[in-house]
PDB file of N, CA and C in Angstrom:
ATOM      1  N   MET A   1      41.735  27.410  65.164  1.00  0.00           N
ATOM      2  CA  MET A   1      40.885  27.040  66.623  1.00  0.00           C
ATOM      3  C   MET A   1      39.809  28.358  66.807  1.00  0.00           C
ATOM      4  N   ASP A   2      40.334  29.487  66.920  1.00  0.00           N
ATOM      5  CA  ASP A   2      39.301  30.450  67.479  1.00  0.00           C
ATOM      6  C   ASP A   2      37.600  30.064  66.118  1.00  0.00           C
ATOM      7  N   LEU A   3      38.064  30.138  65.018  1.00  0.00           N
ATOM      8  CA  LEU A   3      36.772  30.099  64.178  1.00  0.00           C
ATOM      9  C   LEU A   3      36.017  28.418  64.416  1.00  0.00           C
ATOM     10  N   ASP A   4      36.713  27.388  64.809  1.00  0.00           N
ATOM     11  CA  ASP A   4      36.176  26.450  65.416  1.00  0.00           C
ATOM     12  C   ASP A   4      35.022  26.946  67.094  1.00  0.00           C
ATOM     13  N   ILE A   5      35.710  27.700  67.954  1.00  0.00           N
ATOM     14  CA  ILE A   5      34.795  28.195  68.345  1.00  0.00           C
ATOM     15  C   ILE A   5      33.613  29.254  68.085  1.00  0.00           C
ATOM     16  N   GLN A   6      34.085  29.824  67.406  1.00  0.00           N
ATOM     17  CA  GLN A   6      33.102  31.162  66.784  1.00  0.00           C
ATOM     18  C   GLN A   6      31.557  29.902  66.265  1.00  0.00           C
ATOM     19  N   LYS A   7      32.368  29.202  65.471  1.00  0.00           N
ATOM     20  CA  LYS A   7      31.022  28.166  64.538  1.00  0.00           C
ATOM     21  C   LYS A   7      30.118  27.676  65.299  1.00  0.00           C
ATOM     22  N   CYS A   8      30.835  26.891  66.577  1.00  0.00           N
ATOM     23  CA  CYS A   8      30.078  26.105  67.665  1.00  0.00           C
ATOM     24  C   CYS A   8      28.899  27.385  68.532  1.00  0.00           C
ATOM     25  N   ARG A   9      29.604  28.630  68.688  1.00  0.00           N
ATOM     26  CA  ARG A   9      28.914  29.737  69.273  1.00  0.00           C
ATOM     27  C   ARG A   9      27.041  29.647  68.407  1.00  0.00           C
ATOM     28  N   LEU A  10      27.715  30.070  66.666  1.00  0.00           N
ATOM     29  CA  LEU A  10      26.580  30.356  66.306  1.00  0.00           C
ATOM     30  C   LEU A  10      25.811  29.047  65.894  1.00  0.00           C
ATOM     31  N   LEU A  11      25.963  27.738  65.930  1.00  0.00           N
ATOM     32  CA  LEU A  11      25.916  26.844  65.358  1.00  0.00           C
ATOM     33  C   LEU A  11      24.839  26.088  67.104  1.00  0.00           C
ATOM     34  N   THR A  12      25.074  26.301  67.771  1.00  0.00           N
ATOM     35  CA  THR A  12      24.581  25.970  68.848  1.00  0.00           C
ATOM     36  C   THR A  12      23.157  26.862  69.250  1.00  0.00           C
ATOM     37  N   PRO A  13      22.792  27.275  69.074  1.00  0.00           N
ATOM     38  CA  PRO A  13      21.476  28.329  69.042  1.00  0.00           C
ATOM     39  C   PRO A  13      20.343  27.352  68.070  1.00  0.00           C
ATOM     40  N   ILE A  14      20.974  27.512  66.880  1.00  0.00           N
ATOM     41  CA  ILE A  14      20.321  26.742  65.542  1.00  0.00           C
ATOM     42  C   ILE A  14      20.163  25.377  66.117  1.00  0.00           C
ATOM     43  N   LEU A  15      20.944  24.695  66.167  1.00  0.00           N
ATOM     44  CA  LEU A  15      20.143  23.380  66.911  1.00  0.00           C
ATOM     45  C   LEU A  15      19.595  23.366  68.021  1.00  0.00           C
ATOM     46  N   VAL A  16      19.464  23.896  68.951  1.00  0.00           N
ATOM     47  CA  VAL A  16      18.692  23.933  70.355  1.00  0.00           C
ATOM     48  C   VAL A  16      17.021  23.913  69.570  1.00  0.00           C
ATOM     49  N   ILE A  17      17.330  25.024  68.592  1.00  0.00           N
ATOM     50  CA  ILE A  17      15.856  25.382  68.184  1.00  0.00           C
ATOM     51  C   ILE A  17      15.292  24.534  67.355  1.00  0.00           C
ATOM     52  N   ALA A  18      16.260  23.161  66.513  1.00  0.00           N
ATOM     53  CA  ALA A  18      15.777  22.809  65.603  1.00  0.00           C
ATOM     54  C   ALA A  18      15.666  21.722  66.227  1.00  0.00           C
ATOM     55  N   LEU A  19      16.471  21.227  67.258  1.00  0.00           N
ATOM     56  CA  LEU A  19      15.570  19.714  68.065  1.00  0.00           C
ATOM     57  C   LEU A  19      14.489  20.446  68.788  1.00  0.00           C
ATOM     58  N   TRP A  20      14.682  21.342  69.324  1.00  0.00           N
ATOM     59  CA  TRP A  20      13.128  22.148  70.359  1.00  0.00           C
ATOM     60  C   TRP A  20      11.590  21.936  69.533  1.00  0.00           C
ATOM     61  N   SER A  21      11.645  22.309  68.370  1.00  0.00           N
ATOM     62  CA  SER A  21      10.393  22.350  67.298  1.00  0.00           C
ATOM     63  C   SER A  21      10.030  21.378  66.747  1.00  0.00           C
ATOM     64  N   ASN A  22      11.023  19.713  67.215  1.00  0.00           N
ATOM     65  CA  ASN A  22      10.862  18.804  66.858  1.00  0.00           C
ATOM     66  C   ASN A  22      10.372  17.888  67.666  1.00  0.00           C
ATOM     67  N   THR A  23       9.050  17.980  68.277  1.00  0.00           N
ATOM     68  CA  THR A  23       9.087  17.557  69.439  1.00  0.00           C
ATOM     69  C   THR A  23       8.185  15.850  68.890  1.00  0.00           C
ATOM     70  N   ALA A  24       8.129  15.254  69.724  1.00  0.00           N
ATOM     71  CA  ALA A  24       8.042  13.648  69.661  1.00  0.00           C
ATOM     72  C   ALA A  24       6.635  13.607  69.810  1.00  0.00           C
ATOM     73  N   ALA A  25       5.878  12.482  68.490  1.00  0.00           N
ATOM     74  CA  ALA A  25       4.642  12.527  68.883  1.00  0.00           C
ATOM     75  C   ALA A  25       4.192  11.151  69.041  1.00  0.00           C
ATOM     76  N   ALA A  26       3.749  10.730  70.378  1.00  0.00           N
ATOM     77  CA  ALA A  26       3.767   9.678  70.862  1.00  0.00           C
ATOM     78  C   ALA A  26       2.051   8.622  71.039  1.00  0.00           C
ATOM     79  N   THR A  27       1.710   8.227  70.213  1.00  0.00           N
ATOM     80  CA  THR A  27       0.501   7.899  70.078  1.00  0.00           C
ATOM     81  C   THR A  27       0.242   6.045  70.252  1.00  0.00           C
ATOM     82  N   THR A  28      -0.016   5.966  71.568  1.00  0.00           N
ATOM     83  CA  THR A  28      -0.168   4.148  71.521  1.00  0.00           C
ATOM     84  C   THR A  28      -1.493   3.644  71.233  1.00  0.00           C
ATOM     85  N   HIS A  29      -1.805   2.310  70.773  1.00  0.00           N
ATOM     86  CA  HIS A  29      -2.844   1.581  70.417  1.00  0.00           C
ATOM     87  C   HIS A  29      -3.041   0.055  71.171  1.00  0.00           C
ATOM     88  N   PHE A  30      -4.191  -0.301  71.164  1.00  0.00           N
ATOM     89  CA  PHE A  30      -3.795  -1.005  72.269  1.00  0.00           C
ATOM     90  C   PHE A  30      -5.515  -1.916  71.365  1.00  0.00           C
ATOM     91  N   GLU A  31      -5.436  -3.789  71.299  1.00  0.00           N
ATOM     92  CA  GLU A  31      -6.392  -4.357  70.678  1.00  0.00           C
ATOM     93  C   GLU A  31      -7.356  -4.722  71.926  1.00  0.00           C
ATOM     94  N   GLU A  32      -8.823  -4.348  71.971  1.00  0.00           N
ATOM     95  CA  GLU A  32     -10.099  -4.466  72.704  1.00  0.00           C
ATOM     96  C   GLU A  32     -10.828  -5.488  72.293  1.00  0.00           C
ATOM     97  N   SER A  33     -10.985  -6.153  73.006  1.00  0.00           N
ATOM     98  CA  SER A  33     -12.704  -6.633  72.423  1.00  0.00           C
ATOM     99  C   SER A  33     -13.511  -6.158  72.367  1.00  0.00           C
ATOM    100  N   PHE A  34     -15.014  -6.370  71.628  1.00  0.00           N
ATOM    101  CA  PHE A  34     -16.404  -5.939  71.378  1.00  0.00           C
ATOM    102  C   PHE A  34     -16.866  -6.930  70.799  1.00  0.00           C
ATOM    103  N   THR A  35     -18.602  -6.853  71.516  1.00  0.00           N
ATOM    104  CA  THR A  35     -19.679  -7.507  71.723  1.00  0.00           C
ATOM    105  C   THR A  35     -20.079  -6.465  70.704  1.00  0.00           C
ATOM    106  N   CYS A  36     -21.049  -6.849  69.527  1.00  0.00           N
ATOM    107  CA  CYS A  36     -21.830  -5.824  68.938  1.00  0.00           C
ATOM    108  C   CYS A  36     -23.210  -5.824  69.245  1.00  0.00           C
ATOM    109  N   PRO A  37     -23.545  -4.831  69.666  1.00  0.00           N
ATOM    110  CA  PRO A  37     -24.775  -4.644  70.268  1.00  0.00           C
ATOM    111  C   PRO A  37     -26.161  -4.962  69.774  1.00  0.00           C
ATOM    112  N   ILE A  38     -25.713  -5.537  68.542  1.00  0.00           N
ATOM    113  CA  ILE A  38     -27.081  -5.407  67.412  1.00  0.00           C
ATOM    114  C   ILE A  38     -26.239  -6.761  66.658  1.00  0.00           C
ATOM    115  N   GLY A  39     -27.031  -7.928  66.842  1.00  0.00           N
ATOM    116  CA  GLY A  39     -26.124  -9.147  65.919  1.00  0.00           C
ATOM    117  C   GLY A  39     -25.310  -9.640  67.045  1.00  0.00           C
ATOM    118  N   SER A  40     -24.631  -9.441  68.308  1.00  0.00           N
ATOM    119  CA  SER A  40     -24.145 -10.272  69.017  1.00  0.00           C
ATOM    120  C   SER A  40     -22.657 -10.690  68.587  1.00  0.00           C
ATOM    121  N   GLU A  41     -22.273  -9.951  67.247  1.00  0.00           N
ATOM    122  CA  GLU A  41     -20.958 -10.482  66.892  1.00  0.00           C
ATOM    123  C   GLU A  41     -19.557  -9.588  67.909  1.00  0.00           C
ATOM    124  N   GLU A  42     -19.053 -10.842  67.850  1.00  0.00           N
ATOM    125  CA  GLU A  42     -17.739 -10.891  69.281  1.00  0.00           C
ATOM    126  C   GLU A  42     -16.315 -10.062  67.950  1.00  0.00           C
ATOM    127  N   PHE A  43     -15.886  -9.728  68.551  1.00  0.00           N
ATOM    128  CA  PHE A  43     -14.699  -8.977  67.375  1.00  0.00           C
ATOM    129  C   PHE A  43     -13.399  -7.946  68.349  1.00  0.00           C
ATOM    130  N   LYS A  44     -12.182  -8.195  67.750  1.00  0.00           N
ATOM    131  CA  LYS A  44     -11.389  -7.052  68.544  1.00  0.00           C
ATOM    132  C   LYS A  44     -10.786  -5.936  67.465  1.00  0.00           C
ATOM    133  N   ALA A  45     -10.719  -5.126  67.507  1.00  0.00           N
ATOM    134  CA  ALA A  45     -10.306  -3.214  66.983  1.00  0.00           C
ATOM    135  C   ALA A  45      -9.409  -2.763  67.956  1.00  0.00           C
ATOM    136  N   ASN A  46      -8.605  -2.461  67.235  1.00  0.00           N
ATOM    137  CA  ASN A  46      -7.357  -1.795  67.620  1.00  0.00           C
ATOM    138  C   ASN A  46      -7.945  -0.233  67.747  1.00  0.00           C
ATOM    139  N   VAL A  47      -8.073   0.323  69.213  1.00  0.00           N
ATOM    140  CA  VAL A  47      -8.151   1.729  69.661  1.00  0.00           C
ATOM    141  C   VAL A  47      -7.034   2.632  69.851  1.00  0.00           C
ATOM    142  N   VAL A  48      -7.235   3.712  70.204  1.00  0.00           N
ATOM    143  CA  VAL A  48      -5.754   4.631  70.914  1.00  0.00           C
ATOM    144  C   VAL A  48      -6.352   4.493  71.963  1.00  0.00           C
ATOM    145  N   MET A  49      -4.901   4.620  72.934  1.00  0.00           N
ATOM    146  CA  MET A  49      -4.753   4.334  74.626  1.00  0.00           C
ATOM    147  C   MET A  49      -4.235   5.556  75.087  1.00  0.00           C
ATOM    148  N   SER A  50      -3.532   6.388  74.255  1.00  0.00           N
ATOM    149  CA  SER A  50      -3.056   7.547  74.499  1.00  0.00           C
ATOM    150  C   SER A  50      -2.190   8.185  73.391  1.00  0.00           C
ATOM    151  N   SER A  51      -2.985   9.981  73.006  1.00  0.00           N
ATOM    152  CA  SER A  51      -1.926  10.214  72.227  1.00  0.00           C
ATOM    153  C   SER A  51      -1.197  11.829  72.607  1.00  0.00           C
ATOM    154  N   SER A  52      -0.157  12.181  72.700  1.00  0.00           N
ATOM    155  CA  SER A  52       0.702  13.082  72.842  1.00  0.00           C
ATOM    156  C   SER A  52      -0.377  14.815  71.963  1.00  0.00           C
ATOM    157  N   THR A  53      -0.284  15.821  72.543  1.00  0.00           N
ATOM    158  CA  THR A  53      -0.781  16.555  71.788  1.00  0.00           C
ATOM    159  C   THR A  53       0.403  18.101  72.400  1.00  0.00           C
ATOM    160  N   ARG A  54       0.166  19.062  71.540  1.00  0.00           N
ATOM    161  CA  ARG A  54       1.026  20.239  71.480  1.00  0.00           C
ATOM    162  C   ARG A  54      -0.310  21.474  71.473  1.00  0.00           C
ATOM    163  N   GLY A  55      -0.518  21.834  72.218  1.00  0.00           N
ATOM    164  CA  GLY A  55      -1.699  22.990  72.173  1.00  0.00           C
ATOM    165  C   GLY A  55      -2.844  22.902  71.952  1.00  0.00           C
ATOM    166  N   GLN A  56      -3.329  24.015  71.230  1.00  0.00           N
ATOM    167  CA  GLN A  56      -4.948  23.547  70.432  1.00  0.00           C
ATOM    168  C   GLN A  56      -5.084  24.450  69.300  1.00  0.00           C
ATOM    169  N   ARG A  57      -6.099  23.839  68.538  1.00  0.00           N
ATOM    170  CA  ARG A  57      -6.683  24.616  67.120  1.00  0.00           C
ATOM    171  C   ARG A  57      -7.316  25.621  67.592  1.00  0.00           C
ATOM    172  N   PRO A  58      -7.839  26.693  66.660  1.00  0.00           N
ATOM    173  CA  PRO A  58      -9.067  27.568  67.029  1.00  0.00           C
ATOM    174  C   PRO A  58      -9.794  26.938  67.489  1.00  0.00           C
ATOM    175  N   ASP A  59     -10.625  25.866  66.875  1.00  0.00           N
ATOM    176  CA  ASP A  59     -11.779  25.463  67.640  1.00  0.00           C
ATOM    177  C   ASP A  59     -11.914  24.964  68.695  1.00  0.00           C
ATOM    178  N   GLY A  60     -10.810  24.779  69.119  1.00  0.00           N
ATOM    179  CA  GLY A  60     -10.872  24.226  70.941  1.00  0.00           C
ATOM    180  C   GLY A  60     -10.516  22.941  70.864  1.00  0.00           C
ATOM    181  N   ARG A  61      -9.865  22.162  69.736  1.00  0.00           N
ATOM    182  CA  ARG A  61      -9.737  20.891  69.714  1.00  0.00           C
ATOM    183  C   ARG A  61      -8.055  20.571  70.434  1.00  0.00           C
ATOM    184  N   PRO A  62      -7.758  19.323  70.343  1.00  0.00           N
ATOM    185  CA  PRO A  62      -6.513  19.388  70.700  1.00  0.00           C
ATOM    186  C   PRO A  62      -5.390  19.766  69.433  1.00  0.00           C
ATOM    187  N   ASN A  63      -4.400  19.736  69.306  1.00  0.00           N
ATOM    188  CA  ASN A  63      -3.457  20.116  68.118  1.00  0.00           C
ATOM    189  C   ASN A  63      -2.317  18.655  68.200  1.00  0.00           C
ATOM    190  N   SER A  64      -2.357  17.870  67.414  1.00  0.00           N
ATOM    191  CA  SER A  64      -1.627  16.627  67.688  1.00  0.00           C
ATOM    192  C   SER A  64      -1.433  15.865  66.377  1.00  0.00           C
ATOM    193  N   SER A  65      -0.340  15.008  66.403  1.00  0.00           N
ATOM    194  CA  SER A  65       0.177  14.180  65.001  1.00  0.00           C
ATOM    195  C   SER A  65      -1.216  13.370  64.860  1.00  0.00           C
ATOM    196  N   PHE A  66      -2.216  12.913  66.282  1.00  0.00           N
ATOM    197  CA  PHE A  66      -3.105  11.925  65.358  1.00  0.00           C
ATOM    198  C   PHE A  66      -4.489  12.803  65.815  1.00  0.00           C
ATOM    199  N   PRO A  67      -5.300  14.032  64.780  1.00  0.00           N
ATOM    200  CA  PRO A  67      -5.823  14.415  64.978  1.00  0.00           C
ATOM    201  C   PRO A  67      -7.492  14.051  64.868  1.00  0.00           C
ATOM    202  N   VAL A  68      -7.537  12.632  64.692  1.00  0.00           N
ATOM    203  CA  VAL A  68      -8.932  11.698  64.132  1.00  0.00           C
ATOM    204  C   VAL A  68      -8.815  10.607  64.970  1.00  0.00           C
ATOM    205  N   TYR A  69      -9.717  10.090  65.746  1.00  0.00           N
ATOM    206  CA  TYR A  69      -9.598   9.023  66.457  1.00  0.00           C
ATOM    207  C   TYR A  69      -9.994   8.301  65.516  1.00  0.00           C
ATOM    208  N   PRO A  70      -9.692   6.813  65.391  1.00  0.00           N
ATOM    209  CA  PRO A  70     -10.513   5.582  64.554  1.00  0.00           C
ATOM    210  C   PRO A  70     -11.904   5.666  65.284  1.00  0.00           C
ATOM    211  N   ILE A  71     -12.976   4.979  64.560  1.00  0.00           N
ATOM    212  CA  ILE A  71     -14.511   4.594  65.350  1.00  0.00           C
ATOM    213  C   ILE A  71     -14.190   3.576  65.136  1.00  0.00           C
ATOM    214  N   VAL A  72     -14.477   2.517  66.233  1.00  0.00           N
ATOM    215  CA  VAL A  72     -14.891   1.033  66.216  1.00  0.00           C
ATOM    216  C   VAL A  72     -16.202   0.467  65.326  1.00  0.00           C
ATOM    217  N   GLU A  73     -16.296  -0.393  64.554  1.00  0.00           N
ATOM    218  CA  GLU A  73     -17.126  -0.530  63.450  1.00  0.00           C
ATOM    219  C   GLU A  73     -17.299  -2.284  63.785  1.00  0.00           C
ATOM    220  N   CYS A  74     -18.521  -2.471  64.051  1.00  0.00           N
ATOM    221  CA  CYS A  74     -19.268  -4.147  63.647  1.00  0.00           C
ATOM    222  C   CYS A  74     -18.693  -4.321  62.398  1.00  0.00           C
ATOM    223  N   PRO A  75     -17.888  -5.262  62.248  1.00  0.00           N
ATOM    224  CA  PRO A  75     -17.399  -5.928  60.680  1.00  0.00           C
ATOM    225  C   PRO A  75     -18.704  -6.351  60.298  1.00  0.00           C
ATOM    226  N   ALA A  76     -19.493  -7.293  61.038  1.00  0.00           N
ATOM    227  CA  ALA A  76     -20.447  -7.542  59.632  1.00  0.00           C
ATOM    228  C   ALA A  76     -21.757  -6.593  59.405  1.00  0.00           C
ATOM    229  N   ASN A  77     -22.250  -5.683  60.284  1.00  0.00           N
ATOM    230  CA  ASN A  77     -23.209  -4.976  60.046  1.00  0.00           C
ATOM    231  C   ASN A  77     -22.733  -3.220  59.736  1.00  0.00           C
ATOM    232  N   GLY A  78     -22.036  -3.174  60.528  1.00  0.00           N
ATOM    233  CA  GLY A  78     -20.833  -1.621  60.044  1.00  0.00           C
ATOM    234  C   GLY A  78     -21.564  -0.740  61.219  1.00  0.00           C
ATOM    235  N   LEU A  79     -22.074  -1.272  62.424  1.00  0.00           N
ATOM    236  CA  LEU A  79     -23.118  -0.490  63.412  1.00  0.00           C
ATOM    237  C   LEU A  79     -21.935  -0.116  64.052  1.00  0.00           C
ATOM    238  N   LEU A  80     -21.426   1.330  63.961  1.00  0.00           N
ATOM    239  CA  LEU A  80     -20.397   2.509  64.589  1.00  0.00           C
ATOM    240  C   LEU A  80     -20.744   2.628  66.036  1.00  0.00           C
ATOM    241  N   LEU A  81     -19.448   1.932  66.641  1.00  0.00           N
ATOM    242  CA  LEU A  81     -19.716   2.240  68.045  1.00  0.00           C
ATOM    243  C   LEU A  81     -19.143   3.477  68.740  1.00  0.00           C
ATOM    244  N   ILE A  82     -20.181   4.347  69.164  1.00  0.00           N
ATOM    245  CA  ILE A  82     -19.912   6.042  69.474  1.00  0.00           C
ATOM    246  C   ILE A  82     -19.759   5.975  70.481  1.00  0.00           C
ATOM    247  N   LYS A  83     -20.899   4.914  71.209  1.00  0.00           N
ATOM    248  CA  LYS A  83     -20.998   4.938  72.870  1.00  0.00           C
ATOM    249  C   LYS A  83     -20.639   3.925  73.673  1.00  0.00           C
ATOM    250  N   GLU A  84     -20.094   3.925  75.074  1.00  0.00           N
ATOM    251  CA  GLU A  84     -20.444   2.605  75.443  1.00  0.00           C
ATOM    252  C   GLU A  84     -21.177   1.832  75.424  1.00  0.00           C
ATOM    253  N   ALA A  85     -22.522   2.029  75.850  1.00  0.00           N
ATOM    254  CA  ALA A  85     -23.623   1.447  75.899  1.00  0.00           C
ATOM    255  C   ALA A  85     -24.917   2.506  74.944  1.00  0.00           C
ATOM    256  N   PHE A  86     -26.111   1.492  74.238  1.00  0.00           N
ATOM    257  CA  PHE A  86     -27.152   2.394  73.784  1.00  0.00           C
ATOM    258  C   PHE A  86     -28.550   1.881  74.483  1.00  0.00           C
ATOM    259  N   THR A  87     -29.012   2.541  74.671  1.00  0.00           N
ATOM    260  CA  THR A  87     -30.468   2.247  75.371  1.00  0.00           C
ATOM    261  C   THR A  87     -31.404   1.277  74.262  1.00  0.00           C
ATOM    262  N   GLU A  88     -32.262   0.722  74.491  1.00  0.00           N
ATOM    263  CA  GLU A  88     -32.892  -0.107  73.983  1.00  0.00           C
ATOM    264  C   GLU A  88     -33.561   0.567  72.681  1.00  0.00           C
ATOM    265  N   ASP A  89     -34.218   1.806  73.008  1.00  0.00           N
ATOM    266  CA  ASP A  89     -34.934   2.555  72.066  1.00  0.00           C
ATOM    267  C   ASP A  89     -33.921   2.849  70.650  1.00  0.00           C
ATOM    268  N   GLU A  90     -32.591   3.409  71.261  1.00  0.00           N
ATOM    269  CA  GLU A  90     -31.885   3.992  70.579  1.00  0.00           C
ATOM    270  C   GLU A  90     -31.382   2.418  69.249  1.00  0.00           C
ATOM    271  N   LEU A  91     -31.004   1.189  69.852  1.00  0.00           N
ATOM    272  CA  LEU A  91     -30.509   0.313  69.098  1.00  0.00           C
ATOM    273  C   LEU A  91     -32.208  -0.677  68.227  1.00  0.00           C
ATOM    274  N   ALA A  92     -32.874  -0.220  68.663  1.00  0.00           N
ATOM    275  CA  ALA A  92     -34.275  -0.391  67.775  1.00  0.00           C
ATOM    276  C   ALA A  92     -34.020   0.088  66.598  1.00  0.00           C
ATOM    277  N   VAL A  93     -33.948   1.658  66.713  1.00  0.00           N
ATOM    278  CA  VAL A  93     -33.605   2.463  65.557  1.00  0.00           C
ATOM    279  C   VAL A  93     -32.058   2.427  64.581  1.00  0.00           C
ATOM    280  N   LEU A  94     -31.516   1.935  65.315  1.00  0.00           N
ATOM    281  CA  LEU A  94     -29.987   1.773  64.730  1.00  0.00           C
ATOM    282  C   LEU A  94     -30.364   0.832  63.581  1.00  0.00           C
ATOM    283  N   ALA A  95     -30.892  -0.437  64.628  1.00  0.00           N
ATOM    284  CA  ALA A  95     -30.915  -1.709  63.656  1.00  0.00           C
ATOM    285  C   ALA A  95     -31.901  -1.475  62.482  1.00  0.00           C
ATOM    286  N   VAL A  96     -32.341  -0.740  62.472  1.00  0.00           N
ATOM    287  CA  VAL A  96     -33.503  -0.905  61.280  1.00  0.00           C
ATOM    288  C   VAL A  96     -32.388  -0.104  60.188  1.00  0.00           C
ATOM    289  N   ALA A  97     -31.777   1.183  60.921  1.00  0.00           N
ATOM    290  CA  ALA A  97     -31.507   2.252  59.836  1.00  0.00           C
ATOM    291  C   ALA A  97     -29.981   1.095  59.397  1.00  0.00           C
ATOM    292  N   ILE A  98     -28.796   0.539  60.318  1.00  0.00           N
ATOM    293  CA  ILE A  98     -28.307  -0.093  59.584  1.00  0.00           C
ATOM    294  C   ILE A  98     -28.312  -1.026  58.686  1.00  0.00           C
ATOM    295  N   ALA A  99     -29.572  -1.306  58.725  1.00  0.00           N
ATOM    296  CA  ALA A  99     -30.159  -2.750  57.773  1.00  0.00           C
ATOM    297  C   ALA A  99     -30.298  -2.248  56.487  1.00  0.00           C
ATOM    298  N   SER A 100     -30.563  -0.778  56.112  1.00  0.00           N
ATOM    299  CA  SER A 100     -31.002  -0.136  54.861  1.00  0.00           C
ATOM    300  C   SER A 100     -29.698  -0.461  53.949  1.00  0.00           C
ATOM    301  N   ALA A 101     -30.042  -0.319  52.714  1.00  0.00           N
ATOM    302  CA  ALA A 101     -29.854  -0.293  51.429  1.00  0.00           C
ATOM    303  C   ALA A 101     -28.443   0.608  51.740  1.00  0.00           C
ATOM    304  N   GLU A 102     -29.257   1.828  51.871  1.00  0.00           N
ATOM    305  CA  GLU A 102     -28.552   3.231  51.409  1.00  0.00           C
ATOM    306  C   GLU A 102     -27.247   2.957  52.538  1.00  0.00           C
ATOM    307  N   TYR A 103     -27.364   2.777  54.063  1.00  0.00           N
ATOM    308  CA  TYR A 103     -26.190   2.643  54.284  1.00  0.00           C
ATOM    309  C   TYR A 103     -25.117   1.865  54.282  1.00  0.00           C
ATOM    310  N   GLN A 104     -25.825   0.506  54.416  1.00  0.00           N
ATOM    311  CA  GLN A 104     -24.779  -0.143  53.681  1.00  0.00           C
ATOM    312  C   GLN A 104     -24.138  -0.233  52.097  1.00  0.00           C
ATOM    313  N   SER A 105     -24.725   0.434  51.789  1.00  0.00           N
ATOM    314  CA  SER A 105     -23.738   1.371  50.087  1.00  0.00           C
ATOM    315  C   SER A 105     -22.895   2.448  50.985  1.00  0.00           C
ATOM    316  N   LEU A 106     -23.628   2.449  51.961  1.00  0.00           N
ATOM    317  CA  LEU A 106     -22.387   4.214  52.459  1.00  0.00           C
ATOM    318  C   LEU A 106     -21.022   3.228  53.212  1.00  0.00           C
ATOM    319  N   ARG A 107     -20.882   2.340  53.686  1.00  0.00           N
ATOM    320  CA  ARG A 107     -20.009   1.438  53.822  1.00  0.00           C
ATOM    321  C   ARG A 107     -18.678   1.507  52.879  1.00  0.00           C
ATOM    322  N   GLU A 108     -18.883   0.871  51.600  1.00  0.00           N
ATOM    323  CA  GLU A 108     -18.287   1.318  50.242  1.00  0.00           C
ATOM    324  C   GLU A 108     -17.593   2.106  50.265  1.00  0.00           C
ATOM    325  N   THR A 109     -18.011   3.561  49.947  1.00  0.00           N
ATOM    326  CA  THR A 109     -18.168   4.660  49.416  1.00  0.00           C
ATOM    327  C   THR A 109     -17.461   6.184  50.864  1.00  0.00           C
ATOM    328  N   ASP A 110     -17.628   6.004  51.727  1.00  0.00           N
ATOM    329  CA  ASP A 110     -17.519   6.872  52.799  1.00  0.00           C
ATOM    330  C   ASP A 110     -17.237   6.397  54.393  1.00  0.00           C
ATOM    331  N   THR A 111     -16.336   7.438  54.953  1.00  0.00           N
ATOM    332  CA  THR A 111     -15.231   7.115  56.166  1.00  0.00           C
ATOM    333  C   THR A 111     -17.100   6.941  57.057  1.00  0.00           C
ATOM    334  N   PRO A 112     -16.242   6.273  57.904  1.00  0.00           N
ATOM    335  CA  PRO A 112     -16.974   5.918  59.721  1.00  0.00           C
ATOM    336  C   PRO A 112     -17.006   7.551  59.794  1.00  0.00           C
ATOM    337  N   HIS A 113     -16.563   8.298  60.279  1.00  0.00           N
ATOM    338  CA  HIS A 113     -16.673   9.880  60.861  1.00  0.00           C
ATOM    339  C   HIS A 113     -18.210  10.212  59.757  1.00  0.00           C
ATOM    340  N   TYR A 114     -17.698  10.321  58.479  1.00  0.00           N
ATOM    341  CA  TYR A 114     -18.870  10.506  57.801  1.00  0.00           C
ATOM    342  C   TYR A 114     -20.805   9.726  58.032  1.00  0.00           C
ATOM    343  N   ARG A 115     -20.098   8.767  58.322  1.00  0.00           N
ATOM    344  CA  ARG A 115     -21.460   7.607  58.278  1.00  0.00           C
ATOM    345  C   ARG A 115     -21.989   8.313  60.167  1.00  0.00           C
ATOM    346  N   VAL A 116     -21.129   8.900  60.863  1.00  0.00           N
ATOM    347  CA  VAL A 116     -21.554   8.605  61.997  1.00  0.00           C
ATOM    348  C   VAL A 116     -22.966   9.971  61.933  1.00  0.00           C
ATOM    349  N   TYR A 117     -22.943  10.892  61.310  1.00  0.00           N
ATOM    350  CA  TYR A 117     -23.842  12.171  60.939  1.00  0.00           C
ATOM    351  C   TYR A 117     -24.655  12.130  59.666  1.00  0.00           C
ATOM    352  N   TRP A 118     -24.835  10.128  59.216  1.00  0.00           N
ATOM    353  CA  TRP A 118     -25.383  10.359  58.103  1.00  0.00           C
ATOM    354  C   TRP A 118     -27.235  10.149  58.766  1.00  0.00           C
ATOM    355  N   ARG A 119     -28.143  10.753  58.117  1.00  0.00           N
ATOM    356  CA  ARG A 119     -29.624  10.462  58.749  1.00  0.00           C
ATOM    357  C   ARG A 119     -30.369   9.575  57.650  1.00  0.00           C
ATOM    358  N   ASP A 120     -31.350   8.368  57.925  1.00  0.00           N
ATOM    359  CA  ASP A 120     -31.988   7.668  56.727  1.00  0.00           C
ATOM    360  C   ASP A 120     -33.436   8.621  56.643  1.00  0.00           C
TER     361      ASP A 120
END
């Protein structure tokens, strides 16, 4: 009987540490309706509603199980909705940029995160 009590005393801290270090990752998504500002296409996309974080990385960004949030993209023309609203001047520049053959070819080979920084 004493041996079982000793095993429990030794295993309890190990079990507590194991459970404590394995925190749950909670990311929730929901479907949202969008209208593309160029072309007026209506579509739905999943967006992140919430995500749990545990501290931060050296660059100051949150440390989480979901480090890179998806970027909503208009399906027909590939416009990336990185802002709630664009100005008329921005839309004029973006319309020319996303219509280019170079940008459309990037849709086949590169991620939306890369295309955010693409310059024509």
